[in-house]
Structures are given as C-alpha cells and as structure tokens.
Amino acid sequence: MVSDVADLIWIENELARKDITAQKRTILEELKKKALEGTLRQGDISQLRQKKQGKALTIKSLSSKLRNLRKRCSAIDNVPTEVISYLDAAIAILQNEKVVARCGLHALGLESADA
C-alpha cells in the first residue's frame, strides 16, 4: 500500500536526523520494525507524525481557508476570474506540498517536476 511505503520513508527520514532523542529513536525503530513486518497501524504513527508535522497542519489549515475564500469569491458576481484562477493555483500548490511532505520527497530531492 502506498501509505505504508510513505510511512516507512517518513520513519527512515526521521531516523536519519541527527537531532532526535534516544527515546524517539527507540520509538522510531519499533515503528520501523512493525512497518517492515506489515503490522504497522495508522494509529501507531499518527501521533508521532502530528508532533513533527506542524508545517503540514499549517498547510492543511491554510488550504481550508483558501478553499473557503474561493467558494465565497465564486458567489460574488464582480470578482475577476483571475482571482479565482490564482486561488485555484494556490490551493493546488499547497495540496502538492502536503503530498511531498507526507511522502518525504524533500529528502530525496524530488520536490517537483518543475525544479
């Protein structure tokens, strides 16, 4: 499953960091073992990821606000279509960033096809 691979990549990226505590390293090693055995559940990793992914939570919040703004702008007759297009582009960029962050592609140097 793709999410299992993404979880394993995230665990390995975290283990590669030099600034993690011994306690966190132990937890990550245990999660990696479960992932390799195929017994890792989403709940096993979600709390640890949420602590680490403050950026992803902020991106999620911003995406939500932009989607709401787009919906409100669409309901107004005299909002230029360019504004809606720019909001769509911003939402797409943030969605892409969430995927890149979740899969750990920054560490692999695969941020985007445009780079």
N, C-alpha and C. Protein backbone atom coordinates (compact mmCIF):
# COMPACT_ATOMS: atom_id res chain seq x y z
N MET A 1 0.84 -1.18 0.00
CA MET A 1 0.00 0.00 0.00
C MET A 1 0.88 1.25 0.00
N VAL A 2 0.47 2.28 -0.73
CA VAL A 2 1.26 3.50 -0.86
C VAL A 2 1.46 4.18 0.48
N SER A 3 0.43 4.21 1.32
CA SER A 3 0.57 4.87 2.61
C SER A 3 1.57 4.15 3.50
N ASP A 4 1.66 2.82 3.38
CA ASP A 4 2.65 2.07 4.15
C ASP A 4 4.06 2.44 3.72
N VAL A 5 4.26 2.59 2.43
CA VAL A 5 5.57 2.99 1.91
C VAL A 5 5.91 4.40 2.38
N ALA A 6 4.93 5.31 2.30
CA ALA A 6 5.14 6.69 2.74
C ALA A 6 5.48 6.72 4.23
N ASP A 7 4.81 5.90 5.03
CA ASP A 7 5.11 5.85 6.46
C ASP A 7 6.53 5.35 6.70
N LEU A 8 6.94 4.33 5.98
CA LEU A 8 8.28 3.79 6.14
C LEU A 8 9.34 4.82 5.72
N ILE A 9 9.08 5.53 4.63
CA ILE A 9 10.01 6.58 4.20
C ILE A 9 10.11 7.65 5.27
N TRP A 10 8.97 8.05 5.83
CA TRP A 10 8.97 9.07 6.88
C TRP A 10 9.77 8.59 8.08
N ILE A 11 9.57 7.35 8.49
CA ILE A 11 10.30 6.79 9.64
C ILE A 11 11.80 6.80 9.36
N GLU A 12 12.19 6.36 8.19
CA GLU A 12 13.62 6.32 7.86
C GLU A 12 14.22 7.71 7.78
N ASN A 13 13.47 8.67 7.26
CA ASN A 13 13.95 10.06 7.24
C ASN A 13 14.15 10.59 8.65
N GLU A 14 13.22 10.29 9.53
CA GLU A 14 13.34 10.72 10.92
C GLU A 14 14.54 10.07 11.60
N LEU A 15 14.75 8.78 11.34
CA LEU A 15 15.89 8.07 11.92
C LEU A 15 17.22 8.63 11.41
N ALA A 16 17.22 9.17 10.20
CA ALA A 16 18.45 9.73 9.63
C ALA A 16 18.82 11.08 10.23
N ARG A 17 17.88 11.70 10.91
CA ARG A 17 18.14 13.01 11.53
C ARG A 17 19.13 12.85 12.68
N LYS A 18 19.97 13.83 12.85
CA LYS A 18 20.99 13.79 13.90
C LYS A 18 20.48 14.35 15.23
N ASP A 19 19.39 15.09 15.19
CA ASP A 19 18.93 15.78 16.39
C ASP A 19 17.80 15.07 17.14
N ILE A 20 17.56 13.79 16.86
CA ILE A 20 16.47 13.11 17.57
C ILE A 20 16.99 12.54 18.89
N THR A 21 16.09 12.47 19.86
CA THR A 21 16.45 11.94 21.17
C THR A 21 16.53 10.42 21.12
N ALA A 22 17.19 9.86 22.12
CA ALA A 22 17.31 8.40 22.20
C ALA A 22 15.94 7.76 22.34
N GLN A 23 15.05 8.41 23.10
CA GLN A 23 13.70 7.89 23.30
C GLN A 23 12.94 7.85 21.96
N LYS A 24 13.03 8.94 21.19
CA LYS A 24 12.34 8.99 19.91
C LYS A 24 12.95 7.97 18.95
N ARG A 25 14.28 7.80 18.99
CA ARG A 25 14.94 6.82 18.12
C ARG A 25 14.42 5.42 18.43
N THR A 26 14.25 5.11 19.71
CA THR A 26 13.74 3.79 20.11
C THR A 26 12.33 3.59 19.58
N ILE A 27 11.49 4.61 19.71
CA ILE A 27 10.11 4.52 19.22
C ILE A 27 10.11 4.34 17.71
N LEU A 28 10.95 5.10 17.00
CA LEU A 28 11.01 5.00 15.55
C LEU A 28 11.51 3.64 15.09
N GLU A 29 12.49 3.09 15.79
CA GLU A 29 13.00 1.75 15.45
C GLU A 29 11.89 0.71 15.61
N GLU A 30 11.10 0.85 16.66
CA GLU A 30 9.98 -0.08 16.89
C GLU A 30 8.94 0.06 15.78
N LEU A 31 8.64 1.31 15.39
CA LEU A 31 7.69 1.54 14.31
C LEU A 31 8.22 1.01 12.98
N LYS A 32 9.52 1.16 12.74
CA LYS A 32 10.11 0.64 11.52
C LYS A 32 9.99 -0.88 11.46
N LYS A 33 10.24 -1.53 12.59
CA LYS A 33 10.12 -2.98 12.66
C LYS A 33 8.69 -3.42 12.32
N LYS A 34 7.72 -2.71 12.91
CA LYS A 34 6.32 -3.02 12.62
C LYS A 34 6.00 -2.80 11.14
N ALA A 35 6.53 -1.71 10.58
CA ALA A 35 6.27 -1.41 9.17
C ALA A 35 6.83 -2.50 8.26
N LEU A 36 8.03 -2.94 8.56
CA LEU A 36 8.65 -3.99 7.75
C LEU A 36 7.93 -5.33 7.90
N GLU A 37 7.34 -5.56 9.07
CA GLU A 37 6.57 -6.79 9.30
C GLU A 37 5.17 -6.70 8.73
N GLY A 38 4.74 -5.48 8.39
CA GLY A 38 3.39 -5.29 7.87
C GLY A 38 2.33 -5.17 8.95
N THR A 39 2.75 -4.90 10.18
CA THR A 39 1.79 -4.80 11.29
C THR A 39 1.60 -3.37 11.78
N LEU A 40 2.17 -2.40 11.09
CA LEU A 40 2.04 -1.00 11.49
C LEU A 40 0.63 -0.52 11.19
N ARG A 41 -0.01 0.06 12.20
CA ARG A 41 -1.34 0.64 12.02
C ARG A 41 -1.20 2.15 11.97
N GLN A 42 -2.14 2.80 11.33
CA GLN A 42 -2.09 4.26 11.20
C GLN A 42 -2.03 4.94 12.56
N GLY A 43 -2.75 4.41 13.53
CA GLY A 43 -2.74 5.00 14.86
C GLY A 43 -1.38 4.91 15.54
N ASP A 44 -0.56 3.92 15.15
CA ASP A 44 0.76 3.76 15.73
C ASP A 44 1.67 4.93 15.38
N ILE A 45 1.46 5.52 14.25
CA ILE A 45 2.38 6.55 13.77
C ILE A 45 1.78 7.95 13.77
N SER A 46 0.47 8.07 13.76
CA SER A 46 -0.17 9.37 13.56
C SER A 46 0.18 10.39 14.63
N GLN A 47 0.22 10.00 15.89
CA GLN A 47 0.55 10.97 16.94
C GLN A 47 1.98 11.47 16.81
N LEU A 48 2.88 10.57 16.53
CA LEU A 48 4.28 10.97 16.37
C LEU A 48 4.44 11.89 15.16
N ARG A 49 3.74 11.59 14.08
CA ARG A 49 3.82 12.42 12.88
C ARG A 49 3.24 13.80 13.12
N GLN A 50 2.13 13.87 13.85
CA GLN A 50 1.49 15.16 14.08
C GLN A 50 2.39 16.07 14.89
N LYS A 51 3.14 15.53 15.82
CA LYS A 51 4.08 16.35 16.58
C LYS A 51 5.14 16.92 15.66
N LYS A 52 5.60 16.12 14.72
CA LYS A 52 6.65 16.53 13.81
C LYS A 52 6.13 17.45 12.72
N GLN A 53 4.91 17.22 12.26
CA GLN A 53 4.43 17.90 11.06
C GLN A 53 3.61 19.15 11.36
N GLY A 54 4.13 20.01 12.19
CA GLY A 54 3.46 21.27 12.42
C GLY A 54 3.25 22.01 11.11
N LYS A 55 4.22 21.92 10.21
CA LYS A 55 4.12 22.57 8.90
C LYS A 55 2.95 22.00 8.11
N ALA A 56 2.79 20.70 8.10
CA ALA A 56 1.70 20.08 7.34
C ALA A 56 0.35 20.48 7.91
N LEU A 57 0.24 20.59 9.22
CA LEU A 57 -1.01 21.01 9.82
C LEU A 57 -1.32 22.46 9.44
N THR A 58 -0.30 23.30 9.37
CA THR A 58 -0.49 24.68 8.95
C THR A 58 -0.91 24.73 7.49
N ILE A 59 -0.31 23.91 6.66
CA ILE A 59 -0.67 23.87 5.25
C ILE A 59 -2.11 23.41 5.11
N LYS A 60 -2.50 22.42 5.90
CA LYS A 60 -3.88 21.93 5.86
C LYS A 60 -4.85 23.05 6.22
N SER A 61 -4.51 23.79 7.27
CA SER A 61 -5.36 24.88 7.70
C SER A 61 -5.45 25.98 6.64
N LEU A 62 -4.32 26.32 6.07
CA LEU A 62 -4.30 27.35 5.03
C LEU A 62 -5.08 26.90 3.80
N SER A 63 -4.93 25.64 3.42
CA SER A 63 -5.69 25.11 2.28
C SER A 63 -7.19 25.24 2.51
N SER A 64 -7.60 24.91 3.70
CA SER A 64 -9.02 25.01 4.05
C SER A 64 -9.52 26.45 3.94
N LYS A 65 -8.72 27.38 4.46
CA LYS A 65 -9.10 28.79 4.39
C LYS A 65 -9.17 29.29 2.95
N LEU A 66 -8.23 28.85 2.13
CA LEU A 66 -8.25 29.26 0.72
C LEU A 66 -9.45 28.67 -0.02
N ARG A 67 -9.78 27.41 0.29
CA ARG A 67 -10.97 26.81 -0.35
C ARG A 67 -12.23 27.57 0.04
N ASN A 68 -12.33 27.95 1.31
CA ASN A 68 -13.49 28.73 1.75
C ASN A 68 -13.53 30.09 1.07
N LEU A 69 -12.36 30.74 0.97
CA LEU A 69 -12.30 32.04 0.30
C LEU A 69 -12.70 31.92 -1.17
N ARG A 70 -12.23 30.86 -1.83
CA ARG A 70 -12.58 30.64 -3.23
C ARG A 70 -14.10 30.47 -3.39
N LYS A 71 -14.69 29.70 -2.49
CA LYS A 71 -16.14 29.48 -2.53
C LYS A 71 -16.88 30.81 -2.37
N ARG A 72 -16.42 31.65 -1.44
CA ARG A 72 -17.07 32.94 -1.21
C ARG A 72 -16.89 33.86 -2.40
N CYS A 73 -15.68 33.86 -2.97
CA CYS A 73 -15.42 34.71 -4.14
C CYS A 73 -16.27 34.27 -5.33
N SER A 74 -16.46 32.98 -5.48
CA SER A 74 -17.26 32.47 -6.60
C SER A 74 -18.71 32.92 -6.50
N ALA A 75 -19.17 33.18 -5.29
CA ALA A 75 -20.56 33.59 -5.09
C ALA A 75 -20.77 35.08 -5.36
N ILE A 76 -19.67 35.82 -5.54
CA ILE A 76 -19.76 37.26 -5.81
C ILE A 76 -19.61 37.50 -7.31
N ASP A 77 -20.57 38.20 -7.88
CA ASP A 77 -20.60 38.39 -9.33
C ASP A 77 -19.42 39.17 -9.90
N ASN A 78 -18.96 40.20 -9.20
CA ASN A 78 -17.95 41.07 -9.80
C ASN A 78 -16.50 40.74 -9.41
N VAL A 79 -16.25 39.54 -8.88
CA VAL A 79 -14.88 39.13 -8.60
C VAL A 79 -14.24 38.67 -9.91
N PRO A 80 -13.11 39.25 -10.27
CA PRO A 80 -12.46 38.86 -11.53
C PRO A 80 -12.13 37.37 -11.57
N THR A 81 -12.26 36.77 -12.74
CA THR A 81 -11.99 35.34 -12.88
C THR A 81 -10.52 35.01 -12.58
N GLU A 82 -9.64 35.99 -12.77
CA GLU A 82 -8.23 35.78 -12.45
C GLU A 82 -8.03 35.48 -10.97
N VAL A 83 -8.82 36.12 -10.13
CA VAL A 83 -8.71 35.88 -8.69
C VAL A 83 -9.04 34.42 -8.38
N ILE A 84 -10.10 33.91 -8.99
CA ILE A 84 -10.47 32.50 -8.79
C ILE A 84 -9.36 31.59 -9.31
N SER A 85 -8.79 31.93 -10.44
CA SER A 85 -7.70 31.12 -11.01
C SER A 85 -6.48 31.11 -10.10
N TYR A 86 -6.13 32.26 -9.54
CA TYR A 86 -4.99 32.32 -8.63
C TYR A 86 -5.25 31.54 -7.35
N LEU A 87 -6.46 31.62 -6.85
CA LEU A 87 -6.81 30.83 -5.66
C LEU A 87 -6.72 29.33 -5.96
N ASP A 88 -7.22 28.92 -7.14
CA ASP A 88 -7.11 27.51 -7.54
C ASP A 88 -5.65 27.07 -7.61
N ALA A 89 -4.80 27.93 -8.16
CA ALA A 89 -3.37 27.61 -8.27
C ALA A 89 -2.74 27.49 -6.89
N ALA A 90 -3.07 28.41 -6.00
CA ALA A 90 -2.51 28.37 -4.64
C ALA A 90 -2.96 27.11 -3.91
N ILE A 91 -4.21 26.74 -4.06
CA ILE A 91 -4.74 25.53 -3.43
C ILE A 91 -4.01 24.30 -3.97
N ALA A 92 -3.78 24.26 -5.27
CA ALA A 92 -3.08 23.12 -5.89
C ALA A 92 -1.64 23.03 -5.39
N ILE A 93 -0.97 24.16 -5.27
CA ILE A 93 0.41 24.17 -4.78
C ILE A 93 0.47 23.65 -3.34
N LEU A 94 -0.45 24.09 -2.51
CA LEU A 94 -0.47 23.62 -1.12
C LEU A 94 -0.79 22.14 -1.04
N GLN A 95 -1.70 21.66 -1.88
CA GLN A 95 -2.02 20.23 -1.91
C GLN A 95 -0.79 19.43 -2.30
N ASN A 96 -0.06 19.90 -3.29
CA ASN A 96 1.17 19.23 -3.71
C ASN A 96 2.19 19.21 -2.57
N GLU A 97 2.30 20.30 -1.85
CA GLU A 97 3.25 20.37 -0.72
C GLU A 97 2.89 19.37 0.36
N LYS A 98 1.59 19.18 0.60
CA LYS A 98 1.18 18.18 1.59
C LYS A 98 1.63 16.79 1.17
N VAL A 99 1.47 16.47 -0.11
CA VAL A 99 1.86 15.15 -0.60
C VAL A 99 3.38 14.98 -0.51
N VAL A 100 4.11 16.00 -0.93
CA VAL A 100 5.57 15.95 -0.88
C VAL A 100 6.05 15.76 0.55
N ALA A 101 5.47 16.50 1.48
CA ALA A 101 5.87 16.38 2.89
C ALA A 101 5.52 15.01 3.44
N ARG A 102 4.35 14.51 3.13
CA ARG A 102 3.92 13.21 3.65
C ARG A 102 4.80 12.07 3.14
N CYS A 103 5.18 12.14 1.90
CA CYS A 103 5.98 11.07 1.30
C CYS A 103 7.47 11.23 1.54
N GLY A 104 7.89 12.35 2.11
CA GLY A 104 9.30 12.57 2.38
C GLY A 104 10.11 12.84 1.13
N LEU A 105 9.50 13.38 0.10
CA LEU A 105 10.19 13.61 -1.16
C LEU A 105 11.20 14.75 -1.10
N HIS A 106 11.06 15.67 -0.12
CA HIS A 106 12.05 16.73 0.03
C HIS A 106 13.43 16.13 0.26
N ALA A 107 13.49 15.10 1.08
CA ALA A 107 14.76 14.47 1.40
C ALA A 107 15.38 13.78 0.20
N LEU A 108 14.56 13.39 -0.75
CA LEU A 108 15.04 12.71 -1.95
C LEU A 108 15.37 13.68 -3.07
N GLY A 109 15.09 14.97 -2.86
CA GLY A 109 15.34 15.96 -3.90
C GLY A 109 14.33 15.89 -5.03
N LEU A 110 13.13 15.39 -4.76
CA LEU A 110 12.09 15.27 -5.79
C LEU A 110 10.91 16.17 -5.50
N GLU A 111 11.19 17.41 -5.13
CA GLU A 111 10.12 18.32 -4.72
C GLU A 111 9.08 18.52 -5.80
N SER A 112 9.51 18.74 -7.04
CA SER A 112 8.54 18.92 -8.11
C SER A 112 9.19 18.61 -9.44
N ALA A 113 8.35 18.41 -10.44
CA ALA A 113 8.87 18.13 -11.78
C ALA A 113 9.44 19.40 -12.41
N ASP A 114 9.02 20.57 -11.92
CA ASP A 114 9.48 21.85 -12.48
C ASP A 114 10.89 22.20 -12.04
N ALA A 115 11.31 21.68 -10.92
CA ALA A 115 12.61 22.07 -10.36
C ALA A 115 13.77 21.49 -11.14
